[in-house]
PDB file of all heavy atoms in Angstrom:
ATOM      1  N   PRO A   1      95.091  90.703  93.573  1.00  0.00           N
ATOM      2  CA  PRO A   1      95.621  91.563  94.699  1.00  0.00           C
ATOM      3  C   PRO A   1      97.055  91.441  94.971  1.00  0.00           C
ATOM      4  O   PRO A   1      97.552  92.328  95.596  1.00  0.00           O
ATOM      5  CB  PRO A   1      94.686  91.054  95.909  1.00  0.00           C
ATOM      6  CG  PRO A   1      93.505  90.469  95.203  1.00  0.00           C
ATOM      7  CD  PRO A   1      94.002  89.854  93.951  1.00  0.00           C
ATOM      8  N   HIS A   2      97.619  90.273  94.690  1.00  0.00           N
ATOM      9  CA  HIS A   2      98.996  90.137  94.909  1.00  0.00           C
ATOM     10  C   HIS A   2      99.994  90.252  93.838  1.00  0.00           C
ATOM     11  O   HIS A   2     101.129  89.761  93.885  1.00  0.00           O
ATOM     12  CB  HIS A   2      99.129  88.717  95.691  1.00  0.00           C
ATOM     13  CG  HIS A   2      98.280  88.530  96.847  1.00  0.00           C
ATOM     14  ND1 HIS A   2      98.420  89.192  98.042  1.00  0.00           N
ATOM     15  CD2 HIS A   2      97.143  87.794  96.982  1.00  0.00           C
ATOM     16  CE1 HIS A   2      97.503  88.909  98.907  1.00  0.00           C
ATOM     17  NE2 HIS A   2      96.686  87.998  98.298  1.00  0.00           N
ATOM     18  N   ASP A   3      99.569  90.826  92.731  1.00  0.00           N
ATOM     19  CA  ASP A   3     100.537  91.007  91.652  1.00  0.00           C
ATOM     20  C   ASP A   3     101.533  91.933  91.970  1.00  0.00           C
ATOM     21  O   ASP A   3     101.271  93.106  92.140  1.00  0.00           O
ATOM     22  CB  ASP A   3      99.702  91.405  90.339  1.00  0.00           C
ATOM     23  CG  ASP A   3     100.461  91.557  89.148  1.00  0.00           C
ATOM     24  OD1 ASP A   3     101.418  92.446  88.999  1.00  0.00           O
ATOM     25  OD2 ASP A   3     100.209  90.744  88.213  1.00  0.00           O
ATOM     26  N   HIS A   4     102.748  91.582  91.908  1.00  0.00           N
ATOM     27  CA  HIS A   4     103.878  92.457  92.339  1.00  0.00           C
ATOM     28  C   HIS A   4     104.081  93.550  91.465  1.00  0.00           C
ATOM     29  O   HIS A   4     104.413  94.716  91.966  1.00  0.00           O
ATOM     30  CB  HIS A   4     105.167  91.620  92.375  1.00  0.00           C
ATOM     31  CG  HIS A   4     105.183  90.396  93.235  1.00  0.00           C
ATOM     32  ND1 HIS A   4     106.186  89.489  93.337  1.00  0.00           N
ATOM     33  CD2 HIS A   4     104.199  89.884  94.137  1.00  0.00           C
ATOM     34  CE1 HIS A   4     105.887  88.507  94.170  1.00  0.00           C
ATOM     35  NE2 HIS A   4     104.715  88.771  94.660  1.00  0.00           N
ATOM     36  N   ASN A   5     103.901  93.441  90.212  1.00  0.00           N
ATOM     37  CA  ASN A   5     104.207  94.516  89.334  1.00  0.00           C
ATOM     38  C   ASN A   5     103.186  95.582  89.386  1.00  0.00           C
ATOM     39  O   ASN A   5     103.570  96.845  89.403  1.00  0.00           O
ATOM     40  CB  ASN A   5     104.124  93.934  87.812  1.00  0.00           C
ATOM     41  CG  ASN A   5     105.137  92.920  87.661  1.00  0.00           C
ATOM     42  OD1 ASN A   5     106.386  93.038  87.557  1.00  0.00           O
ATOM     43  ND2 ASN A   5     104.662  91.669  87.569  1.00  0.00           N
ATOM     44  N   LEU A   6     101.924  95.169  89.522  1.00  0.00           N
ATOM     45  CA  LEU A   6     100.851  96.097  89.800  1.00  0.00           C
ATOM     46  C   LEU A   6     100.943  96.929  91.021  1.00  0.00           C
ATOM     47  O   LEU A   6     100.712  98.130  91.214  1.00  0.00           O
ATOM     48  CB  LEU A   6      99.456  95.523  89.656  1.00  0.00           C
ATOM     49  CG  LEU A   6      99.015  94.953  88.235  1.00  0.00           C
ATOM     50  CD1 LEU A   6      97.846  94.086  88.287  1.00  0.00           C
ATOM     51  CD2 LEU A   6      98.782  96.236  87.410  1.00  0.00           C
ATOM     52  N   GLN A   7     101.281  96.084  92.131  1.00  0.00           N
ATOM     53  CA  GLN A   7     101.504  96.676  93.387  1.00  0.00           C
ATOM     54  C   GLN A   7     102.620  97.826  93.413  1.00  0.00           C
ATOM     55  O   GLN A   7     102.374  98.927  93.872  1.00  0.00           O
ATOM     56  CB  GLN A   7     101.951  95.631  94.427  1.00  0.00           C
ATOM     57  CG  GLN A   7     100.913  94.641  94.728  1.00  0.00           C
ATOM     58  CD  GLN A   7     101.411  93.533  95.646  1.00  0.00           C
ATOM     59  OE1 GLN A   7     102.631  93.270  95.631  1.00  0.00           O
ATOM     60  NE2 GLN A   7     100.493  92.773  96.383  1.00  0.00           N
ATOM     61  N   GLN A   8     103.700  97.581  92.669  1.00  0.00           N
ATOM     62  CA  GLN A   8     104.791  98.541  92.727  1.00  0.00           C
ATOM     63  C   GLN A   8     104.344  99.728  91.790  1.00  0.00           C
ATOM     64  O   GLN A   8     104.774 100.863  92.192  1.00  0.00           O
ATOM     65  CB  GLN A   8     106.041  97.893  92.021  1.00  0.00           C
ATOM     66  CG  GLN A   8     106.558  96.864  93.052  1.00  0.00           C
ATOM     67  CD  GLN A   8     107.695  96.042  92.481  1.00  0.00           C
ATOM     68  OE1 GLN A   8     108.831  96.668  92.240  1.00  0.00           O
ATOM     69  NE2 GLN A   8     107.496  94.839  92.148  1.00  0.00           N
ATOM     70  N   GLU A   9     103.778  99.522  90.639  1.00  0.00           N
ATOM     71  CA  GLU A   9     103.324 100.699  89.881  1.00  0.00           C
ATOM     72  C   GLU A   9     102.245 101.434  90.564  1.00  0.00           C
ATOM     73  O   GLU A   9     102.229 102.678  90.519  1.00  0.00           O
ATOM     74  CB  GLU A   9     102.756 100.157  88.581  1.00  0.00           C
ATOM     75  CG  GLU A   9     103.817  99.565  87.628  1.00  0.00           C
ATOM     76  CD  GLU A   9     104.998 100.518  87.386  1.00  0.00           C
ATOM     77  OE1 GLU A   9     104.765 101.636  87.098  1.00  0.00           O
ATOM     78  OE2 GLU A   9     106.147 100.102  87.643  1.00  0.00           O
ATOM     79  N   TYR A  10     101.468 100.858  91.368  1.00  0.00           N
ATOM     80  CA  TYR A  10     100.402 101.569  92.191  1.00  0.00           C
ATOM     81  C   TYR A  10     101.089 102.492  93.190  1.00  0.00           C
ATOM     82  O   TYR A  10     100.770 103.672  93.358  1.00  0.00           O
ATOM     83  CB  TYR A  10      99.578 100.560  92.896  1.00  0.00           C
ATOM     84  CG  TYR A  10      98.324 101.172  93.599  1.00  0.00           C
ATOM     85  CD1 TYR A  10      97.233 101.531  92.795  1.00  0.00           C
ATOM     86  CD2 TYR A  10      98.201 101.270  94.940  1.00  0.00           C
ATOM     87  CE1 TYR A  10      96.029 102.074  93.549  1.00  0.00           C
ATOM     88  CE2 TYR A  10      97.196 101.774  95.565  1.00  0.00           C
ATOM     89  CZ  TYR A  10      96.036 102.160  94.881  1.00  0.00           C
ATOM     90  OH  TYR A  10      94.918 102.696  95.542  1.00  0.00           O
ATOM     91  N   LEU A  11     102.093 101.915  93.828  1.00  0.00           N
ATOM     92  CA  LEU A  11     102.908 102.698  94.794  1.00  0.00           C
ATOM     93  C   LEU A  11     103.546 103.861  94.053  1.00  0.00           C
ATOM     94  O   LEU A  11     103.630 105.055  94.563  1.00  0.00           O
ATOM     95  CB  LEU A  11     103.932 101.918  95.466  1.00  0.00           C
ATOM     96  CG  LEU A  11     103.442 100.962  96.542  1.00  0.00           C
ATOM     97  CD1 LEU A  11     104.523  99.932  96.941  1.00  0.00           C
ATOM     98  CD2 LEU A  11     102.945 101.736  97.806  1.00  0.00           C
ATOM     99  N   ALA A  12     104.168 103.584  92.882  1.00  0.00           N
ATOM    100  CA  ALA A  12     104.831 104.682  92.209  1.00  0.00           C
ATOM    101  C   ALA A  12     103.885 105.812  91.821  1.00  0.00           C
ATOM    102  O   ALA A  12     104.187 107.077  91.897  1.00  0.00           O
ATOM    103  CB  ALA A  12     105.542 104.170  90.952  1.00  0.00           C
ATOM    104  N   THR A  13     102.715 105.415  91.419  1.00  0.00           N
ATOM    105  CA  THR A  13     101.714 106.375  91.030  1.00  0.00           C
ATOM    106  C   THR A  13     101.229 107.300  92.260  1.00  0.00           C
ATOM    107  O   THR A  13     101.129 108.559  92.098  1.00  0.00           O
ATOM    108  CB  THR A  13     100.438 105.757  90.295  1.00  0.00           C
ATOM    109  OG1 THR A  13     100.961 104.854  89.320  1.00  0.00           O
ATOM    110  CG2 THR A  13      99.572 106.731  89.717  1.00  0.00           C
ATOM    111  N   LEU A  14     101.001 106.603  93.372  1.00  0.00           N
ATOM    112  CA  LEU A  14     100.730 107.372  94.559  1.00  0.00           C
ATOM    113  C   LEU A  14     101.784 108.376  94.942  1.00  0.00           C
ATOM    114  O   LEU A  14     101.437 109.445  95.382  1.00  0.00           O
ATOM    115  CB  LEU A  14     100.424 106.421  95.749  1.00  0.00           C
ATOM    116  CG  LEU A  14      99.176 105.532  95.791  1.00  0.00           C
ATOM    117  CD1 LEU A  14      99.242 104.549  96.839  1.00  0.00           C
ATOM    118  CD2 LEU A  14      97.948 106.388  95.845  1.00  0.00           C
ATOM    119  N   ILE A  15     103.008 107.912  94.720  1.00  0.00           N
ATOM    120  CA  ILE A  15     104.141 108.869  95.043  1.00  0.00           C
ATOM    121  C   ILE A  15     104.041 110.107  94.157  1.00  0.00           C
ATOM    122  O   ILE A  15     104.188 111.257  94.543  1.00  0.00           O
ATOM    123  CB  ILE A  15     105.455 108.194  94.977  1.00  0.00           C
ATOM    124  CG1 ILE A  15     105.660 107.188  96.049  1.00  0.00           C
ATOM    125  CG2 ILE A  15     106.619 109.176  94.887  1.00  0.00           C
ATOM    126  CD1 ILE A  15     106.866 106.294  95.966  1.00  0.00           C
ATOM    127  N   ARG A  16     103.798 109.871  92.911  1.00  0.00           N
ATOM    128  CA  ARG A  16     103.702 110.997  91.934  1.00  0.00           C
ATOM    129  C   ARG A  16     102.502 111.896  92.226  1.00  0.00           C
ATOM    130  O   ARG A  16     102.589 113.142  92.042  1.00  0.00           O
ATOM    131  CB  ARG A  16     103.595 110.529  90.508  1.00  0.00           C
ATOM    132  CG  ARG A  16     104.884 110.031  89.899  1.00  0.00           C
ATOM    133  CD  ARG A  16     105.906 111.192  89.788  1.00  0.00           C
ATOM    134  NE  ARG A  16     107.067 110.843  89.095  1.00  0.00           N
ATOM    135  CZ  ARG A  16     107.311 110.936  87.821  1.00  0.00           C
ATOM    136  NH1 ARG A  16     106.386 111.384  86.934  1.00  0.00           N
ATOM    137  NH2 ARG A  16     108.531 110.589  87.245  1.00  0.00           N
ATOM    138  N   LEU A  17     101.528 111.256  92.808  1.00  0.00           N
ATOM    139  CA  LEU A  17     100.298 112.185  93.245  1.00  0.00           C
ATOM    140  C   LEU A  17     100.491 112.718  94.601  1.00  0.00           C
ATOM    141  O   LEU A  17      99.575 113.439  95.109  1.00  0.00           O
ATOM    142  CB  LEU A  17      99.097 111.182  93.185  1.00  0.00           C
ATOM    143  CG  LEU A  17      98.542 110.729  91.851  1.00  0.00           C
ATOM    144  CD1 LEU A  17      97.494 109.643  92.090  1.00  0.00           C
ATOM    145  CD2 LEU A  17      98.000 111.961  91.070  1.00  0.00           C
ATOM    146  N   GLN A  18     101.739 112.469  95.129  1.00  0.00           N
ATOM    147  CA  GLN A  18     101.978 113.056  96.452  1.00  0.00           C
ATOM    148  C   GLN A  18     101.059 112.580  97.591  1.00  0.00           C
ATOM    149  O   GLN A  18     100.798 113.267  98.528  1.00  0.00           O
ATOM    150  CB  GLN A  18     102.178 114.570  96.437  1.00  0.00           C
ATOM    151  CG  GLN A  18     103.164 115.114  95.433  1.00  0.00           C
ATOM    152  CD  GLN A  18     103.293 116.605  95.390  1.00  0.00           C
ATOM    153  OE1 GLN A  18     102.785 117.373  96.297  1.00  0.00           O
ATOM    154  NE2 GLN A  18     104.011 117.103  94.407  1.00  0.00           N
ATOM    155  N   ARG A  19     100.634 111.463  97.463  1.00  0.00           N
ATOM    156  CA  ARG A  19      99.618 110.813  98.437  1.00  0.00           C
ATOM    157  C   ARG A  19     100.532 109.999  99.384  1.00  0.00           C
ATOM    158  O   ARG A  19     100.457 108.718  99.439  1.00  0.00           O
ATOM    159  CB  ARG A  19      98.600 110.030  97.694  1.00  0.00           C
ATOM    160  CG  ARG A  19      97.642 110.882  97.013  1.00  0.00           C
ATOM    161  CD  ARG A  19      96.528 110.187  96.212  1.00  0.00           C
ATOM    162  NE  ARG A  19      95.949 109.017  96.893  1.00  0.00           N
ATOM    163  CZ  ARG A  19      94.932 108.303  96.382  1.00  0.00           C
ATOM    164  NH1 ARG A  19      94.535 108.475  95.063  1.00  0.00           N
ATOM    165  NH2 ARG A  19      94.382 107.396  97.196  1.00  0.00           N
ATOM    166  N   TYR A  20     101.295 110.619 100.072  1.00  0.00           N
ATOM    167  CA  TYR A  20     102.357 109.933 100.933  1.00  0.00           C
ATOM    168  C   TYR A  20     101.857 109.049 101.984  1.00  0.00           C
ATOM    169  O   TYR A  20     102.330 107.938 102.324  1.00  0.00           O
ATOM    170  CB  TYR A  20     103.312 110.939 101.489  1.00  0.00           C
ATOM    171  CG  TYR A  20     104.023 111.743 100.475  1.00  0.00           C
ATOM    172  CD1 TYR A  20     103.965 113.110 100.532  1.00  0.00           C
ATOM    173  CD2 TYR A  20     104.511 111.179  99.353  1.00  0.00           C
ATOM    174  CE1 TYR A  20     104.584 113.919  99.566  1.00  0.00           C
ATOM    175  CE2 TYR A  20     105.209 111.977  98.295  1.00  0.00           C
ATOM    176  CZ  TYR A  20     105.159 113.329  98.407  1.00  0.00           C
ATOM    177  OH  TYR A  20     105.733 114.026  97.406  1.00  0.00           O
ATOM    178  N   LYS A  21     100.827 109.375 102.729  1.00  0.00           N
ATOM    179  CA  LYS A  21     100.126 108.644 103.705  1.00  0.00           C
ATOM    180  C   LYS A  21      99.545 107.290 103.078  1.00  0.00           C
ATOM    181  O   LYS A  21      99.651 106.214 103.699  1.00  0.00           O
ATOM    182  CB  LYS A  21      99.042 109.333 104.472  1.00  0.00           C
ATOM    183  CG  LYS A  21      99.632 110.486 105.309  1.00  0.00           C
ATOM    184  CD  LYS A  21      98.436 111.101 106.161  1.00  0.00           C
ATOM    185  CE  LYS A  21      99.045 112.199 107.139  1.00  0.00           C
ATOM    186  NZ  LYS A  21      99.801 113.300 106.342  1.00  0.00           N
ATOM    187  N   ASP A  22      99.008 107.462 101.924  1.00  0.00           N
ATOM    188  CA  ASP A  22      98.502 106.375 101.230  1.00  0.00           C
ATOM    189  C   ASP A  22      99.520 105.307 100.837  1.00  0.00           C
ATOM    190  O   ASP A  22      99.278 104.172 100.726  1.00  0.00           O
ATOM    191  CB  ASP A  22      97.636 106.779 100.091  1.00  0.00           C
ATOM    192  CG  ASP A  22      96.347 107.380 100.425  1.00  0.00           C
ATOM    193  OD1 ASP A  22      95.799 107.126 101.500  1.00  0.00           O
ATOM    194  OD2 ASP A  22      95.927 108.226  99.566  1.00  0.00           O
ATOM    195  N   VAL A  23     100.635 105.868 100.479  1.00  0.00           N
ATOM    196  CA  VAL A  23     101.758 105.046 100.164  1.00  0.00           C
ATOM    197  C   VAL A  23     102.172 104.184 101.288  1.00  0.00           C
ATOM    198  O   VAL A  23     102.288 102.896 101.161  1.00  0.00           O
ATOM    199  CB  VAL A  23     103.043 105.862  99.723  1.00  0.00           C
ATOM    200  CG1 VAL A  23     104.314 104.953  99.599  1.00  0.00           C
ATOM    201  CG2 VAL A  23     102.751 106.474  98.295  1.00  0.00           C
ATOM    202  N   VAL A  24     102.265 104.765 102.418  1.00  0.00           N
ATOM    203  CA  VAL A  24     102.681 103.941 103.648  1.00  0.00           C
ATOM    204  C   VAL A  24     101.572 102.958 103.975  1.00  0.00           C
ATOM    205  O   VAL A  24     101.848 101.792 104.274  1.00  0.00           O
ATOM    206  CB  VAL A  24     102.814 104.957 104.791  1.00  0.00           C
ATOM    207  CG1 VAL A  24     103.121 104.162 106.058  1.00  0.00           C
ATOM    208  CG2 VAL A  24     104.057 105.855 104.486  1.00  0.00           C
ATOM    209  N   ILE A  25     100.333 103.363 103.914  1.00  0.00           N
ATOM    210  CA  ILE A  25      99.185 102.458 104.331  1.00  0.00           C
ATOM    211  C   ILE A  25      99.331 101.279 103.355  1.00  0.00           C
ATOM    212  O   ILE A  25      99.109 100.061 103.765  1.00  0.00           O
ATOM    213  CB  ILE A  25      97.905 103.138 104.290  1.00  0.00           C
ATOM    214  CG1 ILE A  25      97.830 104.202 105.461  1.00  0.00           C
ATOM    215  CG2 ILE A  25      96.753 102.209 104.289  1.00  0.00           C
ATOM    216  CD1 ILE A  25      96.595 105.108 105.338  1.00  0.00           C
ATOM    217  N   TYR A  26      99.345 101.530 102.088  1.00  0.00           N
ATOM    218  CA  TYR A  26      99.313 100.433 101.054  1.00  0.00           C
ATOM    219  C   TYR A  26     100.543  99.578 101.202  1.00  0.00           C
ATOM    220  O   TYR A  26     100.420  98.266 101.098  1.00  0.00           O
ATOM    221  CB  TYR A  26      99.086 100.946  99.645  1.00  0.00           C
ATOM    222  CG  TYR A  26      98.940  99.911  98.640  1.00  0.00           C
ATOM    223  CD1 TYR A  26      97.883  99.050  98.649  1.00  0.00           C
ATOM    224  CD2 TYR A  26      99.929  99.637  97.737  1.00  0.00           C
ATOM    225  CE1 TYR A  26      97.638  97.973  97.722  1.00  0.00           C
ATOM    226  CE2 TYR A  26      99.847  98.562  96.703  1.00  0.00           C
ATOM    227  CZ  TYR A  26      98.720  97.707  96.817  1.00  0.00           C
ATOM    228  OH  TYR A  26      98.549  96.753  95.833  1.00  0.00           O
ATOM    229  N   ALA A  27     101.749 100.122 101.355  1.00  0.00           N
ATOM    230  CA  ALA A  27     102.940  99.297 101.486  1.00  0.00           C
ATOM    231  C   ALA A  27     102.855  98.413 102.595  1.00  0.00           C
ATOM    232  O   ALA A  27     103.179  97.282 102.590  1.00  0.00           O
ATOM    233  CB  ALA A  27     104.140 100.324 101.617  1.00  0.00           C
ATOM    234  N   ASP A  28     102.363  98.905 103.748  1.00  0.00           N
ATOM    235  CA  ASP A  28     102.187  98.068 104.927  1.00  0.00           C
ATOM    236  C   ASP A  28     101.215  96.960 104.665  1.00  0.00           C
ATOM    237  O   ASP A  28     101.426  95.790 105.206  1.00  0.00           O
ATOM    238  CB  ASP A  28     101.813  98.845 106.174  1.00  0.00           C
ATOM    239  CG  ASP A  28     102.921  99.698 106.737  1.00  0.00           C
ATOM    240  OD1 ASP A  28     104.128  99.408 106.448  1.00  0.00           O
ATOM    241  OD2 ASP A  28     102.580 100.731 107.564  1.00  0.00           O
TER     242      ASP A  28
END
C-alpha cells in the first residue's frame, strides 16, 4: 500500500481517465 512508485503511477492513470475527484481522494 505504501509503494511510492505504484502510488504515483496510480495517480497518473486516474488523471488520464479524467477521474479528478478520485485523484484528490487518493492523494489525500
